Amino acid sequence: MTGKSYITIKGSKEGLIFLLDDQCEFITLLDELNAKLDKHVQQFTGPIVHIFIKLGARQLEEEDKERIRAILRRQGNLLIQSIDSDTPEVDPTLIKVPSLHTMSGIIRSGQTVEFDGHLLLLGDVNPGGTISCTGDVYVLGALRGTVHAGRDGDQGAIIAASLMKPTQLRIAEIISRPPDEWASAEPWMEYAFLREGTMAIDKMTSLSRQRKEVMQFKGV
C-alpha cells in the first residue's frame, strides 16, 4: 500500500493497539485495515492476540464498529477487547449554568413551590410549606417547613436559612429530620449540606470551605 498510512499498530503488555486516523474517510480506514491483514498475515497468526482499537476523535455508530470487528475476525486469533473514541471536548460556552430565581413572601402551609435551578427566598417557609429545587435553596428568613434541594440528584446542593428550624430537609435523595439542637438562636445564617452521605449543618460563613469556588449569579 502506497501513500500515507492511516493506521498505526503499537505493541503493549496487554496486546496490540490499533491507532486509527480520525480525519480520513471511514472507508479508507476499512480498506487499509484489510490491506494490513493481507500484508502481515504471518505476523497475525499464532496464539490469541488482544486488540485495542483507538478511534481518536472519530465517533462511530455500532454498525460501523461491527464492520471493523468483521475485518479483524478474518484472523481467528485476533480478539478485540475494545473500540474507543476520545471523550469529546465540551464547549464551555455550551455548559448550562443553573439560573437563580428570586421570590419574596411567605410559603404557607399546604403551598409548594418548585424551580429548576437555585432559589433565593426573601421571606419565611411556614410549617407545612414546601420548596423543591434542582439547585440550592437560600431562605432569608425562618425555615420551618420542608425543603428539597438538588432534586435531580445533585449531592453538592445546599439549603441555607437565616433561622434553621425545618420540619424536614432533603438534599438529592438524603432525607433528614434534624434534631432540636440544629436550631440555633444565634444571629447567624446556617446551611445544611451532605458530608459523606450524611446531612450536616454549619455557619454560612464556612461555605467557602465546603466549596472550592464561590458561586456567582448574574443579576445578583
N, C-alpha and C. Protein backbone atom coordinates (compact mmCIF):
# COMPACT_ATOMS: atom_id res chain seq x y z
N MET A 1 0.86 -1.19 0.00
CA MET A 1 0.00 0.00 0.00
C MET A 1 0.88 1.23 0.00
N THR A 2 0.61 2.15 -0.90
CA THR A 2 1.44 3.33 -1.01
C THR A 2 0.74 4.53 -0.40
N GLY A 3 1.52 5.62 -0.25
CA GLY A 3 0.94 6.84 0.30
C GLY A 3 0.90 6.81 1.81
N LYS A 4 0.16 7.77 2.36
CA LYS A 4 0.08 7.92 3.81
C LYS A 4 -0.62 6.74 4.46
N SER A 5 -0.08 6.32 5.60
CA SER A 5 -0.71 5.25 6.37
C SER A 5 -1.64 5.86 7.40
N TYR A 6 -2.86 5.34 7.47
CA TYR A 6 -3.85 5.88 8.39
C TYR A 6 -4.05 5.00 9.62
N ILE A 7 -3.32 3.92 9.69
CA ILE A 7 -3.42 3.01 10.83
C ILE A 7 -2.03 2.73 11.37
N THR A 8 -1.84 2.98 12.65
CA THR A 8 -0.57 2.69 13.32
C THR A 8 -0.80 1.59 14.33
N ILE A 9 0.07 0.60 14.34
CA ILE A 9 -0.07 -0.53 15.26
C ILE A 9 1.09 -0.49 16.25
N LYS A 10 0.74 -0.50 17.53
CA LYS A 10 1.75 -0.46 18.58
C LYS A 10 1.55 -1.65 19.52
N GLY A 11 2.65 -2.16 20.03
CA GLY A 11 2.58 -3.26 20.98
C GLY A 11 2.50 -2.76 22.41
N SER A 12 1.84 -3.51 23.26
CA SER A 12 1.77 -3.20 24.69
C SER A 12 1.76 -4.51 25.46
N LYS A 13 1.83 -4.42 26.78
CA LYS A 13 1.83 -5.64 27.60
C LYS A 13 0.52 -6.42 27.43
N GLU A 14 -0.56 -5.66 27.15
CA GLU A 14 -1.87 -6.31 27.04
C GLU A 14 -2.13 -6.90 25.66
N GLY A 15 -1.42 -6.39 24.64
CA GLY A 15 -1.67 -6.86 23.27
C GLY A 15 -1.24 -5.83 22.25
N LEU A 16 -2.04 -5.65 21.21
CA LEU A 16 -1.74 -4.68 20.16
C LEU A 16 -2.76 -3.55 20.19
N ILE A 17 -2.26 -2.33 20.02
CA ILE A 17 -3.11 -1.15 19.97
C ILE A 17 -3.14 -0.66 18.52
N PHE A 18 -4.33 -0.57 17.94
CA PHE A 18 -4.51 -0.06 16.60
C PHE A 18 -4.97 1.40 16.71
N LEU A 19 -4.10 2.31 16.29
CA LEU A 19 -4.44 3.74 16.31
C LEU A 19 -4.96 4.14 14.94
N LEU A 20 -6.24 4.47 14.85
CA LEU A 20 -6.88 4.78 13.58
C LEU A 20 -6.99 6.29 13.40
N ASP A 21 -6.56 6.76 12.23
CA ASP A 21 -6.65 8.19 11.92
C ASP A 21 -8.11 8.65 12.03
N ASP A 22 -8.32 9.82 12.62
CA ASP A 22 -9.70 10.30 12.81
C ASP A 22 -10.11 11.39 11.83
N GLN A 23 -9.26 11.64 10.79
CA GLN A 23 -9.57 12.68 9.82
C GLN A 23 -9.95 12.14 8.44
N CYS A 24 -9.43 10.98 8.12
CA CYS A 24 -9.68 10.44 6.78
C CYS A 24 -11.09 9.85 6.68
N GLU A 25 -11.48 9.48 5.45
CA GLU A 25 -12.78 8.84 5.24
C GLU A 25 -12.79 7.47 5.92
N PHE A 26 -13.93 7.10 6.45
CA PHE A 26 -14.02 5.83 7.17
C PHE A 26 -13.73 4.65 6.24
N ILE A 27 -14.21 4.73 5.00
CA ILE A 27 -13.97 3.64 4.06
C ILE A 27 -12.49 3.45 3.80
N THR A 28 -11.72 4.55 3.87
CA THR A 28 -10.27 4.47 3.70
C THR A 28 -9.65 3.64 4.81
N LEU A 29 -10.14 3.82 6.04
CA LEU A 29 -9.65 3.02 7.17
C LEU A 29 -9.94 1.54 6.95
N LEU A 30 -11.15 1.24 6.50
CA LEU A 30 -11.51 -0.16 6.29
C LEU A 30 -10.63 -0.79 5.22
N ASP A 31 -10.37 -0.04 4.14
CA ASP A 31 -9.52 -0.57 3.07
C ASP A 31 -8.11 -0.83 3.59
N GLU A 32 -7.58 0.11 4.38
CA GLU A 32 -6.21 -0.07 4.87
C GLU A 32 -6.15 -1.21 5.89
N LEU A 33 -7.19 -1.35 6.69
CA LEU A 33 -7.21 -2.44 7.67
C LEU A 33 -7.18 -3.79 6.96
N ASN A 34 -7.97 -3.91 5.91
CA ASN A 34 -7.95 -5.14 5.12
C ASN A 34 -6.57 -5.38 4.53
N ALA A 35 -5.95 -4.31 3.99
CA ALA A 35 -4.63 -4.43 3.35
C ALA A 35 -3.57 -4.84 4.35
N LYS A 36 -3.63 -4.29 5.57
CA LYS A 36 -2.63 -4.65 6.58
C LYS A 36 -2.74 -6.10 6.98
N LEU A 37 -3.95 -6.60 7.10
CA LEU A 37 -4.12 -8.01 7.46
C LEU A 37 -3.58 -8.91 6.35
N ASP A 38 -3.81 -8.51 5.10
CA ASP A 38 -3.31 -9.31 3.99
C ASP A 38 -1.78 -9.29 3.93
N LYS A 39 -1.19 -8.10 4.17
CA LYS A 39 0.25 -7.94 4.05
C LYS A 39 1.00 -8.60 5.20
N HIS A 40 0.41 -8.55 6.41
CA HIS A 40 1.11 -9.06 7.58
C HIS A 40 0.44 -10.31 8.14
N VAL A 41 -0.14 -11.10 7.25
CA VAL A 41 -0.89 -12.27 7.69
C VAL A 41 -0.04 -13.20 8.56
N GLN A 42 1.25 -13.32 8.23
CA GLN A 42 2.11 -14.21 9.02
C GLN A 42 2.32 -13.70 10.44
N GLN A 43 2.37 -12.36 10.58
CA GLN A 43 2.60 -11.79 11.91
C GLN A 43 1.36 -11.90 12.80
N PHE A 44 0.18 -12.01 12.16
CA PHE A 44 -1.06 -12.07 12.93
C PHE A 44 -1.55 -13.49 13.15
N THR A 45 -0.69 -14.46 12.92
CA THR A 45 -1.07 -15.85 13.18
C THR A 45 -0.42 -16.30 14.48
N GLY A 46 -0.93 -17.41 15.03
CA GLY A 46 -0.35 -17.94 16.27
C GLY A 46 -1.34 -17.86 17.41
N PRO A 47 -0.85 -17.64 18.65
CA PRO A 47 -1.72 -17.61 19.82
C PRO A 47 -2.64 -16.39 19.82
N ILE A 48 -3.59 -16.38 20.73
CA ILE A 48 -4.56 -15.29 20.84
C ILE A 48 -3.84 -13.96 21.09
N VAL A 49 -4.22 -12.94 20.31
CA VAL A 49 -3.67 -11.59 20.47
C VAL A 49 -4.83 -10.65 20.80
N HIS A 50 -4.72 -9.92 21.89
CA HIS A 50 -5.75 -8.97 22.29
C HIS A 50 -5.56 -7.66 21.53
N ILE A 51 -6.64 -7.16 20.96
CA ILE A 51 -6.59 -5.96 20.13
C ILE A 51 -7.39 -4.84 20.78
N PHE A 52 -6.80 -3.65 20.82
CA PHE A 52 -7.46 -2.47 21.38
C PHE A 52 -7.51 -1.41 20.26
N ILE A 53 -8.70 -1.05 19.84
CA ILE A 53 -8.89 -0.10 18.75
C ILE A 53 -9.09 1.30 19.33
N LYS A 54 -8.27 2.25 18.89
CA LYS A 54 -8.38 3.65 19.32
C LYS A 54 -8.80 4.50 18.10
N LEU A 55 -9.97 5.12 18.22
CA LEU A 55 -10.53 5.88 17.09
C LEU A 55 -10.18 7.36 17.11
N GLY A 56 -9.49 7.82 18.14
CA GLY A 56 -9.21 9.24 18.25
C GLY A 56 -10.50 10.02 18.46
N ALA A 57 -10.66 11.13 17.78
CA ALA A 57 -11.86 11.96 17.93
C ALA A 57 -13.05 11.42 17.14
N ARG A 58 -12.83 10.41 16.31
CA ARG A 58 -13.90 9.87 15.48
C ARG A 58 -14.95 9.16 16.35
N GLN A 59 -16.21 9.46 16.11
CA GLN A 59 -17.31 8.80 16.81
C GLN A 59 -18.02 7.88 15.82
N LEU A 60 -18.15 6.61 16.18
CA LEU A 60 -18.76 5.64 15.27
C LEU A 60 -20.03 5.04 15.87
N GLU A 61 -20.99 4.79 14.99
CA GLU A 61 -22.18 4.04 15.38
C GLU A 61 -21.79 2.57 15.53
N GLU A 62 -22.62 1.82 16.23
CA GLU A 62 -22.33 0.41 16.48
C GLU A 62 -22.20 -0.37 15.18
N GLU A 63 -22.96 0.02 14.16
CA GLU A 63 -22.90 -0.68 12.87
C GLU A 63 -21.51 -0.57 12.25
N ASP A 64 -20.89 0.61 12.34
CA ASP A 64 -19.56 0.79 11.76
C ASP A 64 -18.50 0.09 12.62
N LYS A 65 -18.69 0.05 13.93
CA LYS A 65 -17.75 -0.69 14.78
C LYS A 65 -17.78 -2.16 14.42
N GLU A 66 -18.96 -2.66 14.07
CA GLU A 66 -19.09 -4.06 13.70
C GLU A 66 -18.36 -4.34 12.39
N ARG A 67 -18.30 -3.36 11.52
CA ARG A 67 -17.55 -3.54 10.25
C ARG A 67 -16.06 -3.71 10.55
N ILE A 68 -15.56 -2.99 11.54
CA ILE A 68 -14.16 -3.16 11.94
C ILE A 68 -13.96 -4.55 12.54
N ARG A 69 -14.87 -4.95 13.40
CA ARG A 69 -14.76 -6.28 14.02
C ARG A 69 -14.76 -7.39 12.97
N ALA A 70 -15.63 -7.23 11.97
CA ALA A 70 -15.75 -8.27 10.94
C ALA A 70 -14.44 -8.46 10.19
N ILE A 71 -13.74 -7.36 9.92
CA ILE A 71 -12.45 -7.47 9.21
C ILE A 71 -11.43 -8.21 10.07
N LEU A 72 -11.34 -7.85 11.35
CA LEU A 72 -10.35 -8.47 12.22
C LEU A 72 -10.68 -9.92 12.54
N ARG A 73 -11.96 -10.29 12.43
CA ARG A 73 -12.34 -11.68 12.70
C ARG A 73 -11.80 -12.63 11.64
N ARG A 74 -11.34 -12.07 10.51
CA ARG A 74 -10.74 -12.94 9.49
C ARG A 74 -9.58 -13.71 10.07
N GLN A 75 -8.89 -13.10 11.02
CA GLN A 75 -7.82 -13.81 11.72
C GLN A 75 -8.40 -14.32 13.04
N GLY A 76 -8.58 -15.59 13.14
CA GLY A 76 -9.27 -16.17 14.29
C GLY A 76 -8.60 -15.94 15.63
N ASN A 77 -7.31 -15.57 15.61
CA ASN A 77 -6.61 -15.40 16.88
C ASN A 77 -6.62 -13.94 17.37
N LEU A 78 -7.25 -13.04 16.58
CA LEU A 78 -7.31 -11.63 17.00
C LEU A 78 -8.59 -11.41 17.80
N LEU A 79 -8.44 -11.05 19.05
CA LEU A 79 -9.58 -10.88 19.94
C LEU A 79 -9.71 -9.40 20.30
N ILE A 80 -10.77 -8.76 19.82
CA ILE A 80 -10.97 -7.33 20.08
C ILE A 80 -11.47 -7.12 21.51
N GLN A 81 -10.71 -6.35 22.26
CA GLN A 81 -11.07 -6.04 23.64
C GLN A 81 -11.89 -4.76 23.75
N SER A 82 -11.60 -3.78 22.91
CA SER A 82 -12.32 -2.51 23.00
C SER A 82 -12.18 -1.72 21.70
N ILE A 83 -13.19 -0.88 21.44
CA ILE A 83 -13.14 0.09 20.36
C ILE A 83 -13.56 1.41 20.98
N ASP A 84 -12.58 2.29 21.22
CA ASP A 84 -12.84 3.51 21.99
C ASP A 84 -12.55 4.78 21.21
N SER A 85 -13.37 5.79 21.48
CA SER A 85 -13.13 7.14 20.96
C SER A 85 -12.72 8.04 22.12
N ASP A 86 -12.00 9.11 21.80
CA ASP A 86 -11.67 10.10 22.83
C ASP A 86 -12.95 10.75 23.32
N THR A 87 -12.95 11.16 24.58
CA THR A 87 -14.10 11.87 25.12
C THR A 87 -14.20 13.24 24.44
N PRO A 88 -15.36 13.53 23.83
CA PRO A 88 -15.49 14.82 23.12
C PRO A 88 -15.31 15.99 24.08
N GLU A 89 -14.61 17.01 23.61
CA GLU A 89 -14.44 18.21 24.42
C GLU A 89 -15.73 19.01 24.43
N VAL A 90 -16.09 19.51 25.59
CA VAL A 90 -17.32 20.28 25.74
C VAL A 90 -16.99 21.77 25.65
N ASP A 91 -17.69 22.44 24.78
CA ASP A 91 -17.51 23.89 24.64
C ASP A 91 -18.01 24.56 25.92
N PRO A 92 -17.12 25.25 26.66
CA PRO A 92 -17.54 25.89 27.91
C PRO A 92 -18.73 26.82 27.73
N THR A 93 -18.87 27.40 26.54
CA THR A 93 -19.97 28.33 26.31
C THR A 93 -21.31 27.61 26.21
N LEU A 94 -21.25 26.27 26.04
CA LEU A 94 -22.49 25.50 25.92
C LEU A 94 -22.92 24.88 27.24
N ILE A 95 -22.07 25.01 28.28
CA ILE A 95 -22.42 24.45 29.58
C ILE A 95 -23.52 25.29 30.21
N LYS A 96 -24.59 24.64 30.57
CA LYS A 96 -25.73 25.35 31.13
C LYS A 96 -25.49 25.67 32.60
N VAL A 97 -25.50 26.97 32.91
CA VAL A 97 -25.32 27.40 34.30
C VAL A 97 -26.70 27.50 34.93
N PRO A 98 -26.91 26.85 36.08
CA PRO A 98 -28.22 26.92 36.73
C PRO A 98 -28.63 28.36 36.99
N SER A 99 -29.87 28.68 36.69
CA SER A 99 -30.36 30.04 36.90
C SER A 99 -30.75 30.24 38.36
N LEU A 100 -30.73 31.48 38.79
CA LEU A 100 -31.12 31.84 40.15
C LEU A 100 -32.48 32.53 40.11
N HIS A 101 -33.44 31.94 40.78
CA HIS A 101 -34.77 32.52 40.87
C HIS A 101 -34.89 33.24 42.21
N THR A 102 -35.55 34.37 42.22
CA THR A 102 -35.79 35.10 43.47
C THR A 102 -37.28 35.31 43.65
N MET A 103 -37.73 35.21 44.87
CA MET A 103 -39.13 35.50 45.18
C MET A 103 -39.20 36.00 46.61
N SER A 104 -40.24 36.73 46.89
CA SER A 104 -40.44 37.25 48.25
C SER A 104 -41.82 36.87 48.73
N GLY A 105 -41.95 36.81 50.05
CA GLY A 105 -43.23 36.43 50.63
C GLY A 105 -43.10 35.27 51.58
N ILE A 106 -44.22 34.66 51.88
CA ILE A 106 -44.25 33.55 52.83
C ILE A 106 -44.78 32.30 52.12
N ILE A 107 -44.06 31.20 52.27
CA ILE A 107 -44.55 29.90 51.78
C ILE A 107 -45.40 29.31 52.91
N ARG A 108 -46.71 29.32 52.70
CA ARG A 108 -47.62 28.94 53.78
C ARG A 108 -47.91 27.44 53.78
N SER A 109 -48.55 26.97 54.83
CA SER A 109 -48.90 25.56 54.96
C SER A 109 -49.74 25.11 53.77
N GLY A 110 -49.36 23.98 53.17
CA GLY A 110 -50.07 23.45 52.02
C GLY A 110 -49.58 24.00 50.69
N GLN A 111 -48.70 24.98 50.72
CA GLN A 111 -48.17 25.58 49.50
C GLN A 111 -46.84 24.94 49.12
N THR A 112 -46.67 24.64 47.83
CA THR A 112 -45.42 24.07 47.31
C THR A 112 -44.92 24.91 46.15
N VAL A 113 -43.63 25.28 46.18
CA VAL A 113 -43.03 25.99 45.06
C VAL A 113 -41.89 25.13 44.52
N GLU A 114 -41.78 25.06 43.19
CA GLU A 114 -40.75 24.25 42.54
C GLU A 114 -40.04 25.09 41.49
N PHE A 115 -38.71 24.90 41.41
CA PHE A 115 -37.91 25.62 40.43
C PHE A 115 -36.81 24.72 39.89
N ASP A 116 -36.45 24.93 38.62
CA ASP A 116 -35.23 24.36 38.07
C ASP A 116 -34.14 25.40 38.26
N GLY A 117 -33.10 25.04 38.99
CA GLY A 117 -32.04 25.98 39.32
C GLY A 117 -32.04 26.29 40.81
N HIS A 118 -31.49 27.45 41.16
CA HIS A 118 -31.39 27.86 42.57
C HIS A 118 -32.54 28.81 42.92
N LEU A 119 -32.85 28.87 44.21
CA LEU A 119 -33.91 29.77 44.68
C LEU A 119 -33.41 30.61 45.84
N LEU A 120 -33.65 31.91 45.75
CA LEU A 120 -33.42 32.84 46.85
C LEU A 120 -34.78 33.36 47.29
N LEU A 121 -35.20 32.97 48.48
CA LEU A 121 -36.48 33.39 49.03
C LEU A 121 -36.27 34.47 50.07
N LEU A 122 -36.88 35.62 49.84
CA LEU A 122 -36.84 36.70 50.82
C LEU A 122 -38.13 36.61 51.63
N GLY A 123 -38.10 35.75 52.62
CA GLY A 123 -39.30 35.51 53.41
C GLY A 123 -39.16 34.23 54.21
N ASP A 124 -40.29 33.72 54.69
CA ASP A 124 -40.30 32.55 55.56
C ASP A 124 -40.93 31.35 54.86
N VAL A 125 -40.59 30.18 55.38
CA VAL A 125 -41.27 28.94 54.98
C VAL A 125 -41.96 28.41 56.24
N ASN A 126 -43.29 28.50 56.26
CA ASN A 126 -44.04 28.07 57.44
C ASN A 126 -44.13 26.55 57.51
N PRO A 127 -44.43 25.99 58.69
CA PRO A 127 -44.66 24.55 58.79
C PRO A 127 -45.76 24.13 57.81
N GLY A 128 -45.51 23.07 57.06
CA GLY A 128 -46.45 22.62 56.04
C GLY A 128 -46.17 23.20 54.67
N GLY A 129 -45.29 24.22 54.59
CA GLY A 129 -44.87 24.77 53.32
C GLY A 129 -43.70 23.99 52.75
N THR A 130 -43.59 23.94 51.41
CA THR A 130 -42.56 23.11 50.78
C THR A 130 -41.88 23.85 49.63
N ILE A 131 -40.55 23.71 49.56
CA ILE A 131 -39.76 24.22 48.44
C ILE A 131 -39.01 23.04 47.83
N SER A 132 -39.00 22.96 46.50
CA SER A 132 -38.28 21.90 45.79
C SER A 132 -37.53 22.52 44.63
N CYS A 133 -36.19 22.34 44.60
CA CYS A 133 -35.35 22.92 43.56
C CYS A 133 -34.30 21.92 43.10
N THR A 134 -33.84 22.09 41.85
CA THR A 134 -32.75 21.23 41.36
C THR A 134 -31.40 21.72 41.87
N GLY A 135 -31.34 22.98 42.32
CA GLY A 135 -30.09 23.54 42.82
C GLY A 135 -30.16 23.84 44.30
N ASP A 136 -29.56 24.97 44.70
CA ASP A 136 -29.53 25.38 46.11
C ASP A 136 -30.82 26.12 46.48
N VAL A 137 -31.05 26.18 47.79
CA VAL A 137 -32.16 26.98 48.32
C VAL A 137 -31.62 27.88 49.42
N TYR A 138 -31.85 29.18 49.27
CA TYR A 138 -31.43 30.17 50.27
C TYR A 138 -32.68 30.87 50.80
N VAL A 139 -32.91 30.78 52.08
CA VAL A 139 -34.08 31.39 52.71
C VAL A 139 -33.60 32.52 53.61
N LEU A 140 -33.86 33.76 53.20
CA LEU A 140 -33.52 34.90 54.06
C LEU A 140 -34.72 35.17 54.95
N GLY A 141 -34.87 34.26 55.91
CA GLY A 141 -36.00 34.30 56.81
C GLY A 141 -35.99 33.01 57.62
N ALA A 142 -37.15 32.68 58.19
CA ALA A 142 -37.27 31.48 59.02
C ALA A 142 -37.68 30.29 58.17
N LEU A 143 -36.92 29.21 58.28
CA LEU A 143 -37.24 27.96 57.58
C LEU A 143 -37.83 27.00 58.60
N ARG A 144 -39.16 26.85 58.56
CA ARG A 144 -39.85 25.95 59.50
C ARG A 144 -40.58 24.84 58.76
N GLY A 145 -40.54 24.87 57.44
CA GLY A 145 -41.23 23.85 56.66
C GLY A 145 -40.28 22.82 56.08
N THR A 146 -40.56 22.38 54.84
CA THR A 146 -39.80 21.32 54.18
C THR A 146 -39.09 21.89 52.95
N VAL A 147 -37.81 21.53 52.78
CA VAL A 147 -37.05 21.98 51.61
C VAL A 147 -36.32 20.79 51.01
N HIS A 148 -36.43 20.67 49.68
CA HIS A 148 -35.69 19.64 48.92
C HIS A 148 -34.79 20.37 47.92
N ALA A 149 -33.49 20.30 48.13
CA ALA A 149 -32.51 20.88 47.21
C ALA A 149 -31.81 19.76 46.43
N GLY A 150 -31.26 20.09 45.26
CA GLY A 150 -30.60 19.06 44.46
C GLY A 150 -31.56 17.97 44.04
N ARG A 151 -32.76 18.37 43.65
CA ARG A 151 -33.85 17.41 43.39
C ARG A 151 -33.50 16.36 42.34
N ASP A 152 -32.66 16.72 41.37
CA ASP A 152 -32.30 15.77 40.31
C ASP A 152 -31.07 14.94 40.65
N GLY A 153 -30.67 14.96 41.92
CA GLY A 153 -29.54 14.12 42.34
C GLY A 153 -28.26 14.86 42.63
N ASP A 154 -28.28 16.19 42.66
CA ASP A 154 -27.07 16.97 42.94
C ASP A 154 -26.77 16.95 44.43
N GLN A 155 -25.80 16.10 44.83
CA GLN A 155 -25.45 15.99 46.24
C GLN A 155 -24.61 17.15 46.73
N GLY A 156 -24.20 18.03 45.82
CA GLY A 156 -23.44 19.20 46.22
C GLY A 156 -24.32 20.40 46.53
N ALA A 157 -25.63 20.24 46.39
CA ALA A 157 -26.55 21.34 46.67
C ALA A 157 -26.59 21.62 48.17
N ILE A 158 -26.99 22.85 48.53
CA ILE A 158 -27.10 23.22 49.94
C ILE A 158 -28.46 23.86 50.22
N ILE A 159 -28.80 23.91 51.49
CA ILE A 159 -30.01 24.59 51.96
C ILE A 159 -29.57 25.56 53.05
N ALA A 160 -29.81 26.84 52.83
CA ALA A 160 -29.39 27.86 53.80
C ALA A 160 -30.61 28.62 54.31
N ALA A 161 -30.53 29.07 55.56
CA ALA A 161 -31.63 29.83 56.14
C ALA A 161 -31.11 30.73 57.24
N SER A 162 -31.78 31.87 57.40
CA SER A 162 -31.43 32.78 58.49
C SER A 162 -31.78 32.16 59.84
N LEU A 163 -32.91 31.43 59.87
CA LEU A 163 -33.34 30.71 61.07
C LEU A 163 -33.67 29.29 60.66
N MET A 164 -32.86 28.34 61.09
CA MET A 164 -32.97 26.95 60.63
C MET A 164 -33.75 26.12 61.64
N LYS A 165 -35.08 26.01 61.42
CA LYS A 165 -35.93 25.16 62.26
C LYS A 165 -36.87 24.35 61.36
N PRO A 166 -36.31 23.56 60.44
CA PRO A 166 -37.12 22.88 59.43
C PRO A 166 -37.92 21.70 59.98
N THR A 167 -39.01 21.40 59.27
CA THR A 167 -39.74 20.16 59.52
C THR A 167 -38.97 18.99 58.92
N GLN A 168 -38.47 19.22 57.71
CA GLN A 168 -37.67 18.19 57.02
C GLN A 168 -36.76 18.85 56.00
N LEU A 169 -35.55 18.34 55.90
CA LEU A 169 -34.62 18.76 54.86
C LEU A 169 -34.29 17.56 53.99
N ARG A 170 -34.08 17.83 52.69
CA ARG A 170 -33.70 16.75 51.78
C ARG A 170 -32.73 17.33 50.75
N ILE A 171 -31.61 16.67 50.58
CA ILE A 171 -30.64 17.03 49.55
C ILE A 171 -30.42 15.79 48.69
N ALA A 172 -30.70 15.93 47.40
CA ALA A 172 -30.68 14.77 46.49
C ALA A 172 -31.64 13.73 47.06
N GLU A 173 -31.14 12.53 47.39
CA GLU A 173 -32.02 11.50 47.94
C GLU A 173 -31.86 11.33 49.45
N ILE A 174 -31.03 12.16 50.07
CA ILE A 174 -30.79 12.05 51.51
C ILE A 174 -31.81 12.89 52.26
N ILE A 175 -32.56 12.24 53.13
CA ILE A 175 -33.60 12.91 53.91
C ILE A 175 -33.18 12.97 55.37
N SER A 176 -33.43 14.11 55.99
CA SER A 176 -33.10 14.24 57.40
C SER A 176 -34.16 15.07 58.09
N ARG A 177 -34.60 14.58 59.23
CA ARG A 177 -35.42 15.38 60.12
C ARG A 177 -34.50 15.83 61.24
N PRO A 178 -33.96 17.04 61.14
CA PRO A 178 -32.90 17.46 62.04
C PRO A 178 -33.33 17.51 63.50
N PRO A 179 -32.45 17.14 64.40
CA PRO A 179 -32.75 17.20 65.83
C PRO A 179 -32.87 18.64 66.30
N ASP A 180 -33.44 18.82 67.48
CA ASP A 180 -33.68 20.17 68.01
C ASP A 180 -32.41 20.98 68.13
N GLU A 181 -31.27 20.30 68.40
CA GLU A 181 -30.05 21.06 68.60
C GLU A 181 -29.54 21.72 67.32
N TRP A 182 -30.11 21.33 66.16
CA TRP A 182 -29.74 22.02 64.93
C TRP A 182 -30.20 23.47 64.97
N ALA A 183 -31.36 23.67 65.57
CA ALA A 183 -31.90 25.03 65.62
C ALA A 183 -31.06 25.87 66.57
N SER A 184 -30.76 27.08 66.14
CA SER A 184 -29.90 27.95 66.93
C SER A 184 -30.52 29.33 67.05
N ALA A 185 -30.42 29.91 68.22
CA ALA A 185 -30.94 31.26 68.42
C ALA A 185 -29.89 32.31 68.12
N GLU A 186 -28.69 31.85 67.73
CA GLU A 186 -27.62 32.80 67.43
C GLU A 186 -27.94 33.56 66.13
N PRO A 187 -27.50 34.82 66.04
CA PRO A 187 -27.84 35.66 64.88
C PRO A 187 -26.94 35.42 63.68
N TRP A 188 -26.86 34.17 63.22
CA TRP A 188 -26.10 33.93 62.01
C TRP A 188 -26.86 32.97 61.09
N MET A 189 -26.55 33.07 59.83
CA MET A 189 -27.19 32.21 58.84
C MET A 189 -26.49 30.86 58.82
N GLU A 190 -27.27 29.80 58.69
CA GLU A 190 -26.72 28.45 58.66
C GLU A 190 -27.09 27.77 57.36
N TYR A 191 -26.34 26.72 57.03
CA TYR A 191 -26.67 25.96 55.83
C TYR A 191 -26.49 24.47 56.09
N ALA A 192 -27.34 23.67 55.44
CA ALA A 192 -27.26 22.22 55.52
C ALA A 192 -26.61 21.70 54.24
N PHE A 193 -25.81 20.66 54.37
CA PHE A 193 -25.10 20.09 53.23
C PHE A 193 -24.83 18.62 53.51
N LEU A 194 -24.39 17.91 52.49
CA LEU A 194 -24.08 16.49 52.65
C LEU A 194 -22.59 16.32 52.86
N ARG A 195 -22.25 15.57 53.91
CA ARG A 195 -20.86 15.24 54.19
C ARG A 195 -20.77 13.73 54.33
N GLU A 196 -20.15 13.11 53.31
CA GLU A 196 -20.02 11.65 53.27
C GLU A 196 -21.38 10.98 53.39
N GLY A 197 -22.36 11.53 52.66
CA GLY A 197 -23.68 10.92 52.61
C GLY A 197 -24.57 11.21 53.79
N THR A 198 -24.13 12.07 54.70
CA THR A 198 -24.91 12.39 55.88
C THR A 198 -25.17 13.89 55.94
N MET A 199 -26.39 14.26 56.37
CA MET A 199 -26.73 15.68 56.48
C MET A 199 -25.95 16.32 57.61
N ALA A 200 -25.39 17.49 57.33
CA ALA A 200 -24.64 18.25 58.34
C ALA A 200 -25.06 19.70 58.25
N ILE A 201 -24.68 20.49 59.25
CA ILE A 201 -25.03 21.91 59.27
C ILE A 201 -23.84 22.71 59.75
N ASP A 202 -23.71 23.94 59.24
CA ASP A 202 -22.60 24.79 59.62
C ASP A 202 -23.01 26.24 59.42
N LYS A 203 -22.18 27.15 59.93
CA LYS A 203 -22.43 28.57 59.71
C LYS A 203 -22.23 28.90 58.23
N MET A 204 -23.00 29.84 57.73
CA MET A 204 -22.89 30.23 56.33
C MET A 204 -21.50 30.78 56.01
N THR A 205 -20.85 31.35 56.99
CA THR A 205 -19.51 31.88 56.76
C THR A 205 -18.49 30.80 56.47
N SER A 206 -18.87 29.54 56.71
CA SER A 206 -17.96 28.42 56.46
C SER A 206 -18.16 27.81 55.08
N LEU A 207 -19.05 28.38 54.28
CA LEU A 207 -19.37 27.80 52.97
C LEU A 207 -18.14 27.71 52.07
N SER A 208 -17.21 28.66 52.21
CA SER A 208 -16.01 28.64 51.36
C SER A 208 -15.19 27.38 51.57
N ARG A 209 -15.29 26.78 52.76
CA ARG A 209 -14.57 25.52 53.00
C ARG A 209 -15.29 24.35 52.33
N GLN A 210 -16.59 24.47 52.20
CA GLN A 210 -17.38 23.41 51.59
C GLN A 210 -17.22 23.40 50.08
N ARG A 211 -17.07 24.59 49.50
CA ARG A 211 -16.98 24.71 48.05
C ARG A 211 -15.68 25.38 47.66
N LYS A 212 -15.07 24.84 46.61
CA LYS A 212 -13.81 25.39 46.14
C LYS A 212 -14.00 26.77 45.55
N GLU A 213 -15.16 26.98 44.93
CA GLU A 213 -15.42 28.25 44.27
C GLU A 213 -16.65 28.90 44.89
N VAL A 214 -16.65 30.20 44.96
CA VAL A 214 -17.82 30.92 45.42
C VAL A 214 -18.78 31.07 44.25
N MET A 215 -20.02 30.65 44.45
CA MET A 215 -20.98 30.70 43.36
C MET A 215 -21.31 32.15 43.05
N GLN A 216 -21.40 32.44 41.76
CA GLN A 216 -21.74 33.80 41.34
C GLN A 216 -22.93 33.72 40.41
N PHE A 217 -23.90 34.58 40.65
CA PHE A 217 -25.11 34.57 39.85
C PHE A 217 -25.25 35.88 39.11
N LYS A 218 -25.68 35.80 37.88
CA LYS A 218 -25.90 37.00 37.10
C LYS A 218 -27.08 37.78 37.69
N GLY A 219 -26.94 39.06 37.75
CA GLY A 219 -28.02 39.91 38.21
C GLY A 219 -28.12 40.03 39.70
N VAL A 220 -27.18 39.41 40.45
CA VAL A 220 -27.22 39.49 41.91
C VAL A 220 -26.06 40.35 42.39
